[in-house]
Amino acid sequence: MNYEYNGNLEENERINQVAKEIISKYPFISLNNAIKASSLEGKIDKEVSITDKLNRLYNIMLVSSNNKDIVMLIFKDYLNLLKNNNIDNKYYYLSQSINEYLYNYSDFPIISDF
């Protein structure tokens, strides 16, 4: 997925740009959900970090949490990022909770709880 610099954009322009980036990678995400997910994301005004990428994937899963098939597809990319990068434990614990959600053991986790 593209993660374009957007620190110079007005909020609506930034949200629309991020929504387009989401849909280009995941065309099965509705425009409405892509806009919701992008509105949860902050500006990218520096080099994109692994945290930025994980947070975007989390936001997409959060707004799609009523469709476990979509969450599962995004979750695979989330796990690949975790596997290939050294990252804060919070994201590993979050992945365990998302997995529990996918197997009907819990509700979709809220990132601020970690």
C-alpha atoms as a PDB file:
ATOM      1  CA  MET A   1       0.000   0.000   0.000  1.00  0.00           C
ATOM      2  CA  ASN A   2       1.196   3.509  -0.707  1.00  0.00           C
ATOM      3  CA  TYR A   3       1.803   5.804   2.214  1.00  0.00           C
ATOM      4  CA  GLU A   4       2.135   9.243   0.661  1.00  0.00           C
ATOM      5  CA  TYR A   5       3.320  12.346   2.467  1.00  0.00           C
ATOM      6  CA  ASN A   6       0.177  14.282   3.395  1.00  0.00           C
ATOM      7  CA  GLY A   7       1.296  16.695   6.088  1.00  0.00           C
ATOM      8  CA  ASN A   8       0.691  19.640   3.773  1.00  0.00           C
ATOM      9  CA  LEU A   9      -2.937  18.769   2.960  1.00  0.00           C
ATOM     10  CA  GLU A  10      -6.139  20.073   4.467  1.00  0.00           C
ATOM     11  CA  GLU A  11      -7.998  17.439   6.515  1.00  0.00           C
ATOM     12  CA  ASN A  12     -10.548  16.557   3.812  1.00  0.00           C
ATOM     13  CA  GLU A  13      -7.828  16.289   1.167  1.00  0.00           C
ATOM     14  CA  ARG A  14      -5.746  14.059   3.464  1.00  0.00           C
ATOM     15  CA  ILE A  15      -8.713  11.822   4.258  1.00  0.00           C
ATOM     16  CA  ASN A  16      -9.538  11.449   0.557  1.00  0.00           C
ATOM     17  CA  GLN A  17      -5.913  10.704  -0.353  1.00  0.00           C
ATOM     18  CA  VAL A  18      -5.591   8.016   2.321  1.00  0.00           C
ATOM     19  CA  ALA A  19      -8.964   6.531   1.314  1.00  0.00           C
ATOM     20  CA  LYS A  20      -7.690   6.223  -2.266  1.00  0.00           C
ATOM     21  CA  GLU A  21      -4.507   4.540  -1.010  1.00  0.00           C
ATOM     22  CA  ILE A  22      -6.594   2.061   0.992  1.00  0.00           C
ATOM     23  CA  ILE A  23      -8.902   1.253  -1.926  1.00  0.00           C
ATOM     24  CA  SER A  24      -5.992   0.854  -4.332  1.00  0.00           C
ATOM     25  CA  LYS A  25      -4.602  -1.938  -2.122  1.00  0.00           C
ATOM     26  CA  TYR A  26      -7.952  -3.341  -0.954  1.00  0.00           C
ATOM     27  CA  PRO A  27     -10.584  -2.716  -3.656  1.00  0.00           C
ATOM     28  CA  PHE A  28     -13.131  -4.755  -1.679  1.00  0.00           C
ATOM     29  CA  ILE A  29     -13.185  -2.056   1.044  1.00  0.00           C
ATOM     30  CA  SER A  30     -16.144   0.264   0.535  1.00  0.00           C
ATOM     31  CA  LEU A  31     -15.426   3.940  -0.053  1.00  0.00           C
ATOM     32  CA  ASN A  32     -17.388   4.724   3.101  1.00  0.00           C
ATOM     33  CA  ASN A  33     -15.211   2.421   5.233  1.00  0.00           C
ATOM     34  CA  ALA A  34     -12.026   3.682   3.572  1.00  0.00           C
ATOM     35  CA  ILE A  35     -13.024   7.234   4.489  1.00  0.00           C
ATOM     36  CA  LYS A  36     -13.849   6.177   8.067  1.00  0.00           C
ATOM     37  CA  ALA A  37     -10.486   4.426   8.422  1.00  0.00           C
ATOM     38  CA  SER A  38      -8.560   7.321   6.928  1.00  0.00           C
ATOM     39  CA  SER A  39     -10.268   9.797   9.243  1.00  0.00           C
ATOM     40  CA  LEU A  40      -8.831   7.864  12.204  1.00  0.00           C
ATOM     41  CA  GLU A  41      -5.292   8.291  10.903  1.00  0.00           C
ATOM     42  CA  GLY A  42      -3.014  11.208  11.649  1.00  0.00           C
ATOM     43  CA  LYS A  43      -0.940  13.142   9.160  1.00  0.00           C
ATOM     44  CA  ILE A  44       2.104  11.608   7.524  1.00  0.00           C
ATOM     45  CA  ASP A  45       4.651  14.386   7.558  1.00  0.00           C
ATOM     46  CA  LYS A  46       7.803  12.379   8.090  1.00  0.00           C
ATOM     47  CA  GLU A  47       9.205   9.083   6.901  1.00  0.00           C
ATOM     48  CA  VAL A  48       6.557   6.376   7.203  1.00  0.00           C
ATOM     49  CA  SER A  49       7.180   4.082  10.164  1.00  0.00           C
ATOM     50  CA  ILE A  50       6.101   0.523  10.766  1.00  0.00           C
ATOM     51  CA  THR A  51       3.800   1.916  13.460  1.00  0.00           C
ATOM     52  CA  ASP A  52       2.087   4.121  10.858  1.00  0.00           C
ATOM     53  CA  LYS A  53       1.516   1.064   8.688  1.00  0.00           C
ATOM     54  CA  LEU A  54       0.213  -1.105  11.532  1.00  0.00           C
ATOM     55  CA  ASN A  55      -2.105   1.643  12.729  1.00  0.00           C
ATOM     56  CA  ARG A  56      -3.576   2.062   9.242  1.00  0.00           C
ATOM     57  CA  LEU A  57      -4.204  -1.667   8.955  1.00  0.00           C
ATOM     58  CA  TYR A  58      -5.754  -1.679  12.413  1.00  0.00           C
ATOM     59  CA  ASN A  59      -8.057   1.208  11.459  1.00  0.00           C
ATOM     60  CA  ILE A  60      -9.186  -0.643   8.336  1.00  0.00           C
ATOM     61  CA  MET A  61      -9.919  -3.749  10.404  1.00  0.00           C
ATOM     62  CA  LEU A  62     -11.750  -1.690  13.027  1.00  0.00           C
ATOM     63  CA  VAL A  63     -14.156  -0.086  10.562  1.00  0.00           C
ATOM     64  CA  SER A  64     -14.620  -3.458   8.830  1.00  0.00           C
ATOM     65  CA  SER A  65     -15.065  -5.436  12.035  1.00  0.00           C
ATOM     66  CA  ASN A  66     -18.616  -6.419  11.082  1.00  0.00           C
ATOM     67  CA  ASN A  67     -17.123  -8.529   8.260  1.00  0.00           C
ATOM     68  CA  LYS A  68     -14.650 -11.128   9.523  1.00  0.00           C
ATOM     69  CA  ASP A  69     -13.689 -12.184   5.994  1.00  0.00           C
ATOM     70  CA  ILE A  70     -12.361  -8.690   5.298  1.00  0.00           C
ATOM     71  CA  VAL A  71     -10.688  -8.475   8.706  1.00  0.00           C
ATOM     72  CA  MET A  72      -8.957 -11.804   8.068  1.00  0.00           C
ATOM     73  CA  LEU A  73      -7.491 -10.556   4.777  1.00  0.00           C
ATOM     74  CA  ILE A  74      -6.181  -7.344   6.342  1.00  0.00           C
ATOM     75  CA  PHE A  75      -4.975  -9.257   9.400  1.00  0.00           C
ATOM     76  CA  LYS A  76      -2.692 -11.374   7.221  1.00  0.00           C
ATOM     77  CA  ASP A  77      -0.904  -8.211   6.065  1.00  0.00           C
ATOM     78  CA  TYR A  78      -0.764  -6.988   9.661  1.00  0.00           C
ATOM     79  CA  LEU A  79       0.876 -10.260  10.756  1.00  0.00           C
ATOM     80  CA  ASN A  80       3.385 -10.086   7.899  1.00  0.00           C
ATOM     81  CA  LEU A  81       4.462  -6.625   9.058  1.00  0.00           C
ATOM     82  CA  LEU A  82       4.867  -7.900  12.607  1.00  0.00           C
ATOM     83  CA  LYS A  83       6.837 -10.915  11.447  1.00  0.00           C
ATOM     84  CA  ASN A  84       9.228  -8.869   9.329  1.00  0.00           C
ATOM     85  CA  ASN A  85       9.871  -5.986  11.746  1.00  0.00           C
ATOM     86  CA  ASN A  86      11.004  -5.403  15.289  1.00  0.00           C
ATOM     87  CA  ILE A  87       8.088  -3.590  16.875  1.00  0.00           C
ATOM     88  CA  ASP A  88       6.612  -2.580  20.239  1.00  0.00           C
ATOM     89  CA  ASN A  89       4.971  -5.476  22.123  1.00  0.00           C
ATOM     90  CA  LYS A  90       1.653  -3.606  22.135  1.00  0.00           C
ATOM     91  CA  TYR A  91       1.118  -4.622  18.511  1.00  0.00           C
ATOM     92  CA  TYR A  92       1.842  -8.276  19.264  1.00  0.00           C
ATOM     93  CA  TYR A  93      -0.679  -8.275  22.111  1.00  0.00           C
ATOM     94  CA  LEU A  94      -3.164  -6.530  19.850  1.00  0.00           C
ATOM     95  CA  SER A  95      -2.655  -9.245  17.222  1.00  0.00           C
ATOM     96  CA  GLN A  96      -3.491 -11.911  19.803  1.00  0.00           C
ATOM     97  CA  SER A  97      -6.734 -10.113  20.640  1.00  0.00           C
ATOM     98  CA  ILE A  98      -7.632  -9.721  16.969  1.00  0.00           C
ATOM     99  CA  ASN A  99      -7.051 -13.441  16.546  1.00  0.00           C
ATOM    100  CA  GLU A 100      -9.369 -14.126  19.496  1.00  0.00           C
ATOM    101  CA  TYR A 101     -12.001 -11.913  17.852  1.00  0.00           C
ATOM    102  CA  LEU A 102     -11.669 -13.835  14.579  1.00  0.00           C
ATOM    103  CA  TYR A 103     -12.287 -17.097  16.421  1.00  0.00           C
ATOM    104  CA  ASN A 104     -15.313 -15.680  18.286  1.00  0.00           C
ATOM    105  CA  TYR A 105     -13.654 -15.591  21.702  1.00  0.00           C
ATOM    106  CA  SER A 106     -14.001 -11.820  22.147  1.00  0.00           C
ATOM    107  CA  ASP A 107     -15.155  -8.562  20.612  1.00  0.00           C
ATOM    108  CA  PHE A 108     -12.898  -6.612  18.285  1.00  0.00           C
ATOM    109  CA  PRO A 109     -10.149  -5.075  20.445  1.00  0.00           C
ATOM    110  CA  ILE A 110      -9.700  -1.359  21.004  1.00  0.00           C
ATOM    111  CA  ILE A 111      -6.087  -0.283  20.461  1.00  0.00           C
ATOM    112  CA  SER A 112      -6.141   2.197  23.334  1.00  0.00           C
ATOM    113  CA  ASP A 113      -6.549  -0.749  25.717  1.00  0.00           C
ATOM    114  CA  PHE A 114      -2.999  -1.869  24.919  1.00  0.00           C
END
